[in-house]
Amino acid sequence: MAYKLAELHGDTVAVPQLVLARLTQTDGNTMRAALYILQTGDTDPHTMARALGLPSVEAARRALQYWSGAGLLEKERGTAAAPAAEAPKKIDLAGLNDPYISVLCEESQTALGKALSRSELLRLVALYTEDGWQPDVILLCCAEQARRKHGTVAAVVRELTRWRADGVETGEDAERYLRKVKQREEWCDDDAAQFGTASDKLTAWERKAIARWHEEWGASAELIGEAILRAGDKLSVRYVDGILRSWRAQGITTVAAARGQGQLNGSNILTTARPAATPAAAQKDLFNRDWAAVFDEEG
């Protein structure tokens, strides 16, 4: 069956040649974003994401960055820019024929708050062209490393390796991961205060243990506080980890259970719903238990 263009009744949108020239170079969401902008003039990523049904606001921002690099959009004058030691360098990488590259080169320097050398910029570009990272994820990582005072390209490369190991691939993944990182930092701040220290004094193992208490074991702040109280003069993250590990093995998840059922053995809790009575002489008092025997020695 043959087709022909239907008669138009004035309901048209002028599409610049630079958009048409990229029909085979861009994905569907990026092209839809261009048509949406041409029709409405709206460049707000939140309303654009809703109107087009994009998977995330980051997808809308990525499209805006692309069309800015392609020349369809330009930044408004008077927009506040993050302070930087030097103005971002204009690196001519047009030969790679990808507007995302110029956006990545400029925005990464803004995110890190300093000018980068050509070799550093080329390493960031390689993260996109060779390692498969999307520019928005790279820029999120740059901003996160700058926040941590680790604002170097080498630190960004190392961090992205960790992100990939944790399953981060897209902008949505990165945002979820950063929310998890922030939550872990808050837990470390709160729990470190109970140990009488600052969170930046915790070792990597101690930070991992604290995250495990909350994320994997579901221990409440009250239960952790009870374990800290039980530690007495042996107070340390490793010792408290042993207490919480033993309680978890016995199915003890509340302060009331820890105080009222401390005499129960972990094996009874794990094997039966209603543990058989044990002679008083054979019961091992949880208060006098050798917690060092249950320490987790994982590195």
Protein backbone atom coordinates (compact mmCIF):
# COMPACT_ATOMS: atom_id res chain seq x y z
CA MET A 1 0.00 0.00 0.00
CA ALA A 2 1.41 3.40 -0.99
CA TYR A 3 1.24 6.46 1.23
CA LYS A 4 1.44 10.20 0.63
CA LEU A 5 1.70 13.19 2.91
CA ALA A 6 -1.69 14.31 4.15
CA GLU A 7 -2.80 17.88 3.59
CA LEU A 8 -1.61 20.16 6.35
CA HIS A 9 -3.84 22.90 7.70
CA GLY A 10 -1.35 25.28 9.21
CA ASP A 11 -0.56 23.01 12.15
CA THR A 12 3.18 22.77 11.50
CA VAL A 13 6.44 23.36 13.32
CA ALA A 14 9.60 24.60 11.60
CA VAL A 15 12.42 22.13 12.21
CA PRO A 16 15.98 23.48 11.77
CA GLN A 17 18.33 21.62 9.47
CA LEU A 18 20.73 20.91 12.35
CA VAL A 19 17.99 18.79 13.96
CA LEU A 20 17.15 16.94 10.75
CA ALA A 21 20.85 16.26 10.15
CA ARG A 22 20.98 14.30 13.41
CA LEU A 23 18.01 12.02 12.80
CA THR A 24 20.31 9.01 12.45
CA GLN A 25 22.72 10.09 15.21
CA THR A 26 20.43 10.53 18.21
CA ASP A 27 18.10 8.30 20.17
CA GLY A 28 14.35 8.70 20.17
CA ASN A 29 14.13 10.59 23.48
CA THR A 30 16.70 13.15 22.35
CA MET A 31 14.88 13.78 19.07
CA ARG A 32 11.50 13.98 20.81
CA ALA A 33 12.98 16.54 23.20
CA ALA A 34 14.08 18.71 20.26
CA LEU A 35 10.61 18.62 18.69
CA TYR A 36 9.02 19.38 22.07
CA ILE A 37 11.29 22.40 22.56
CA LEU A 38 10.60 23.67 19.06
CA GLN A 39 6.86 23.36 19.63
CA THR A 40 6.62 24.78 23.15
CA GLY A 41 9.82 26.69 23.81
CA ASP A 42 9.94 24.94 27.20
CA THR A 43 13.42 23.94 28.42
CA ASP A 44 12.56 22.98 32.00
CA PRO A 45 13.75 19.38 32.45
CA HIS A 46 11.04 18.54 35.00
CA THR A 47 8.07 19.55 32.84
CA MET A 48 9.77 18.10 29.76
CA ALA A 49 10.24 14.73 31.46
CA ARG A 50 6.56 14.66 32.48
CA ALA A 51 5.22 15.83 29.12
CA LEU A 52 7.29 13.35 27.10
CA GLY A 53 7.09 10.46 29.55
CA LEU A 54 10.87 10.28 29.80
CA PRO A 55 12.37 7.73 32.22
CA SER A 56 13.86 10.44 34.44
CA VAL A 57 14.59 14.14 34.80
CA GLU A 58 18.21 13.25 34.10
CA ALA A 59 17.17 11.98 30.66
CA ALA A 60 15.66 15.40 29.96
CA ARG A 61 18.80 17.15 31.21
CA ARG A 62 20.92 14.90 29.00
CA ALA A 63 18.83 15.87 25.96
CA LEU A 64 19.15 19.56 26.82
CA GLN A 65 22.93 19.18 27.11
CA TYR A 66 23.05 17.44 23.75
CA TRP A 67 21.10 20.14 21.92
CA SER A 68 23.09 22.84 23.65
CA GLY A 69 26.28 21.27 22.34
CA ALA A 70 24.71 20.86 18.90
CA GLY A 71 23.83 24.56 18.74
CA LEU A 72 20.04 24.35 18.97
CA LEU A 73 20.05 25.83 22.48
CA GLU A 74 22.23 28.42 24.15
CA LYS A 75 22.73 29.22 27.80
CA GLU A 76 20.88 32.26 29.07
CA ARG A 77 23.03 35.19 30.08
CA GLY A 78 23.10 35.96 33.75
CA THR A 79 22.88 32.29 34.76
CA ALA A 80 25.03 31.82 37.85
CA ALA A 81 28.01 29.57 37.30
CA ALA A 82 29.89 27.59 39.91
CA PRO A 83 33.18 29.25 40.90
CA ALA A 84 36.25 27.83 39.24
CA ALA A 85 39.93 28.53 39.50
CA GLU A 86 40.05 29.20 35.75
CA ALA A 87 37.53 29.47 32.97
CA PRO A 88 36.79 26.05 31.42
CA LYS A 89 39.04 25.29 28.49
CA LYS A 90 37.60 25.04 25.01
CA ILE A 91 38.96 21.75 23.71
CA ASP A 92 38.44 21.14 20.01
CA LEU A 93 37.25 17.56 19.82
CA ALA A 94 34.74 18.23 17.07
CA GLY A 95 36.37 15.54 15.00
CA LEU A 96 34.59 13.00 17.18
CA ASN A 97 31.29 14.40 15.85
CA ASP A 98 29.40 14.21 19.15
CA PRO A 99 28.00 17.32 20.89
CA TYR A 100 28.01 15.47 24.22
CA ILE A 101 31.81 15.63 24.22
CA SER A 102 32.02 19.42 24.28
CA VAL A 103 29.36 19.48 27.02
CA LEU A 104 31.34 16.92 29.04
CA CYS A 105 34.60 18.86 28.65
CA GLU A 106 33.06 22.13 29.82
CA GLU A 107 30.70 20.91 32.52
CA SER A 108 33.22 18.55 34.14
CA GLN A 109 35.52 21.49 34.82
CA THR A 110 32.66 23.44 36.34
CA ALA A 111 31.68 20.46 38.51
CA LEU A 112 35.26 19.90 39.71
CA GLY A 113 35.79 23.64 40.20
CA LYS A 114 39.02 23.87 38.24
CA ALA A 115 40.49 23.80 34.75
CA LEU A 116 41.67 20.42 33.52
CA SER A 117 44.59 19.55 31.30
CA ARG A 118 44.02 18.16 27.84
CA SER A 119 45.11 14.69 28.98
CA GLU A 120 42.62 14.83 31.88
CA LEU A 121 39.82 15.90 29.56
CA LEU A 122 40.67 13.14 27.12
CA ARG A 123 40.52 10.62 29.99
CA LEU A 124 37.04 11.86 30.89
CA VAL A 125 35.99 11.63 27.24
CA ALA A 126 37.31 8.06 27.15
CA LEU A 127 34.98 7.22 30.03
CA TYR A 128 32.13 8.11 27.65
CA THR A 129 33.44 6.88 24.29
CA GLU A 130 35.32 3.77 25.44
CA ASP A 131 34.06 2.76 28.89
CA GLY A 132 30.37 3.27 28.10
CA TRP A 133 29.51 5.84 30.78
CA GLN A 134 26.80 8.38 29.95
CA PRO A 135 27.91 12.05 30.29
CA ASP A 136 25.31 12.79 32.98
CA VAL A 137 26.65 9.95 35.16
CA ILE A 138 30.24 11.16 34.70
CA LEU A 139 29.20 14.70 35.68
CA LEU A 140 27.32 13.44 38.74
CA CYS A 141 30.45 11.57 39.79
CA CYS A 142 32.58 14.70 39.24
CA ALA A 143 30.26 16.72 41.49
CA GLU A 144 30.26 14.00 44.16
CA GLN A 145 34.05 13.76 44.19
CA ALA A 146 34.34 17.54 44.44
CA ARG A 147 31.97 17.45 47.43
CA ARG A 148 34.23 14.88 49.07
CA LYS A 149 37.30 17.07 48.39
CA HIS A 150 38.63 14.42 45.98
CA GLY A 151 38.21 16.55 42.87
CA THR A 152 40.62 14.87 40.47
CA VAL A 153 40.03 12.93 37.29
CA ALA A 154 41.85 9.94 38.79
CA ALA A 155 39.43 9.97 41.74
CA VAL A 156 36.47 10.12 39.33
CA VAL A 157 37.80 7.11 37.39
CA ARG A 158 38.26 5.09 40.60
CA GLU A 159 34.82 6.03 41.91
CA LEU A 160 33.08 5.09 38.66
CA THR A 161 34.76 1.68 38.88
CA ARG A 162 33.15 1.26 42.33
CA TRP A 163 29.81 2.51 41.00
CA ARG A 164 29.80 -0.07 38.23
CA ALA A 165 30.62 -2.82 40.72
CA ASP A 166 27.51 -1.67 42.66
CA GLY A 167 25.35 -1.85 39.52
CA VAL A 168 25.30 1.85 38.61
CA GLU A 169 24.92 2.44 34.87
CA THR A 170 22.32 5.17 34.29
CA GLY A 171 21.59 8.59 35.75
CA GLU A 172 18.73 7.09 37.75
CA ASP A 173 21.06 4.44 39.13
CA ALA A 174 23.57 7.11 40.12
CA GLU A 175 20.95 9.22 41.90
CA ARG A 176 19.75 6.17 43.87
CA TYR A 177 23.33 5.27 44.73
CA LEU A 178 24.11 8.81 45.93
CA ARG A 179 20.99 8.79 48.11
CA LYS A 180 22.23 5.53 49.64
CA VAL A 181 25.67 7.05 50.21
CA LYS A 182 24.10 10.04 51.94
CA GLN A 183 22.01 7.76 54.17
CA ARG A 184 25.11 5.75 55.11
CA GLU A 185 26.94 8.95 56.01
CA GLU A 186 24.07 9.98 58.28
CA TRP A 187 24.13 6.57 60.00
CA CYS A 188 27.88 6.82 60.52
CA ASP A 189 27.53 10.34 61.93
CA ASP A 190 24.81 9.26 64.39
CA ASP A 191 26.45 5.99 65.49
CA ALA A 192 29.95 7.46 65.71
CA ALA A 193 28.60 10.07 68.13
CA GLN A 194 27.38 7.24 70.41
CA PHE A 195 30.90 5.81 70.35
CA GLY A 196 32.24 9.21 71.34
CA THR A 197 34.10 9.86 68.10
CA ALA A 198 33.65 11.61 64.75
CA SER A 199 32.54 9.71 61.66
CA ASP A 200 35.69 10.71 59.77
CA LYS A 201 37.70 8.77 62.36
CA LEU A 202 35.97 5.49 61.49
CA THR A 203 37.89 2.92 59.48
CA ALA A 204 36.57 1.50 56.21
CA TRP A 205 35.66 -1.74 58.01
CA GLU A 206 33.79 0.16 60.74
CA ARG A 207 31.82 2.19 58.19
CA LYS A 208 30.92 -1.01 56.36
CA ALA A 209 29.83 -2.66 59.61
CA ILE A 210 27.58 0.27 60.56
CA ALA A 211 25.97 0.21 57.10
CA ARG A 212 25.39 -3.54 57.49
CA TRP A 213 23.62 -3.06 60.85
CA HIS A 214 21.06 -0.77 59.23
CA GLU A 215 20.77 -2.08 55.65
CA GLU A 216 21.16 -5.84 55.95
CA TRP A 217 20.21 -6.53 59.55
CA GLY A 218 17.53 -3.86 59.94
CA ALA A 219 18.78 -2.93 63.41
CA SER A 220 17.00 0.08 64.89
CA ALA A 221 18.85 2.99 66.46
CA GLU A 222 17.45 1.86 69.82
CA LEU A 223 18.79 -1.69 69.44
CA ILE A 224 22.21 -0.38 68.41
CA GLY A 225 22.15 1.91 71.43
CA GLU A 226 21.35 -1.06 73.67
CA ALA A 227 24.29 -3.00 72.21
CA ILE A 228 26.56 -0.03 72.83
CA LEU A 229 25.33 0.10 76.42
CA ARG A 230 26.04 -3.62 76.86
CA ALA A 231 29.60 -3.19 75.54
CA GLY A 232 30.57 -1.23 78.65
CA ASP A 233 34.32 -0.63 78.93
CA LYS A 234 34.92 -2.82 75.86
CA LEU A 235 33.19 -0.27 73.65
CA SER A 236 34.26 -0.51 70.01
CA VAL A 237 32.51 -0.94 66.68
CA ARG A 238 33.90 -4.46 66.36
CA TYR A 239 32.68 -5.48 69.81
CA VAL A 240 29.20 -4.03 69.25
CA ASP A 241 29.12 -5.78 65.86
CA GLY A 242 29.63 -9.08 67.73
CA ILE A 243 26.75 -8.33 70.09
CA LEU A 244 24.38 -7.43 67.25
CA ARG A 245 25.49 -10.47 65.24
CA SER A 246 24.67 -12.78 68.16
CA TRP A 247 21.28 -11.16 68.75
CA ARG A 248 20.48 -11.49 65.06
CA ALA A 249 21.35 -15.21 65.18
CA GLN A 250 18.86 -15.60 68.05
CA GLY A 251 16.13 -13.63 66.29
CA ILE A 252 16.35 -10.76 68.77
CA THR A 253 15.31 -7.58 66.97
CA THR A 254 14.00 -5.28 69.71
CA VAL A 255 15.34 -3.79 72.90
CA ALA A 256 12.61 -5.56 74.88
CA ALA A 257 13.66 -8.93 73.42
CA ALA A 258 17.31 -8.21 74.12
CA ARG A 259 16.53 -7.39 77.77
CA GLY A 260 13.89 -10.04 78.39
CA GLN A 261 15.12 -13.00 76.35
CA GLY A 262 18.86 -12.57 76.62
CA GLN A 263 19.27 -16.07 78.06
CA LEU A 264 18.08 -17.83 74.88
CA ASN A 265 20.65 -19.59 72.72
CA GLY A 266 20.90 -18.65 69.07
CA SER A 267 20.64 -22.28 67.92
CA ASN A 268 17.25 -22.67 69.58
CA ILE A 269 15.89 -19.53 67.95
CA LEU A 270 17.05 -20.60 64.51
CA THR A 271 15.82 -24.21 64.62
CA THR A 272 12.41 -23.96 66.27
CA ALA A 273 9.66 -21.42 66.70
CA ARG A 274 9.20 -22.40 70.36
CA PRO A 275 12.54 -23.50 71.81
CA ALA A 276 12.51 -26.31 74.35
CA ALA A 277 13.24 -25.44 77.95
CA THR A 278 16.88 -25.69 78.96
CA PRO A 279 18.00 -26.45 82.52
CA ALA A 280 18.94 -23.25 84.30
CA ALA A 281 22.46 -24.53 84.95
CA ALA A 282 22.99 -25.10 81.24
CA GLN A 283 21.71 -21.69 80.16
CA LYS A 284 24.35 -19.21 79.12
CA ASP A 285 23.58 -15.69 80.27
CA LEU A 286 23.81 -13.26 77.35
CA PHE A 287 25.15 -10.61 79.70
CA ASN A 288 28.21 -12.77 80.48
CA ARG A 289 28.77 -14.05 76.95
CA ASP A 290 32.25 -13.92 75.43
CA TRP A 291 31.52 -11.45 72.63
CA ALA A 292 35.05 -11.71 71.26
CA ALA A 293 34.18 -15.21 70.09
CA VAL A 294 31.55 -13.89 67.71
CA PHE A 295 33.46 -10.96 66.25
CA ASP A 296 33.29 -10.69 62.50
CA GLU A 297 36.84 -10.86 61.16
CA GLU A 298 36.01 -10.03 57.58
CA GLY A 299 38.23 -7.29 56.12
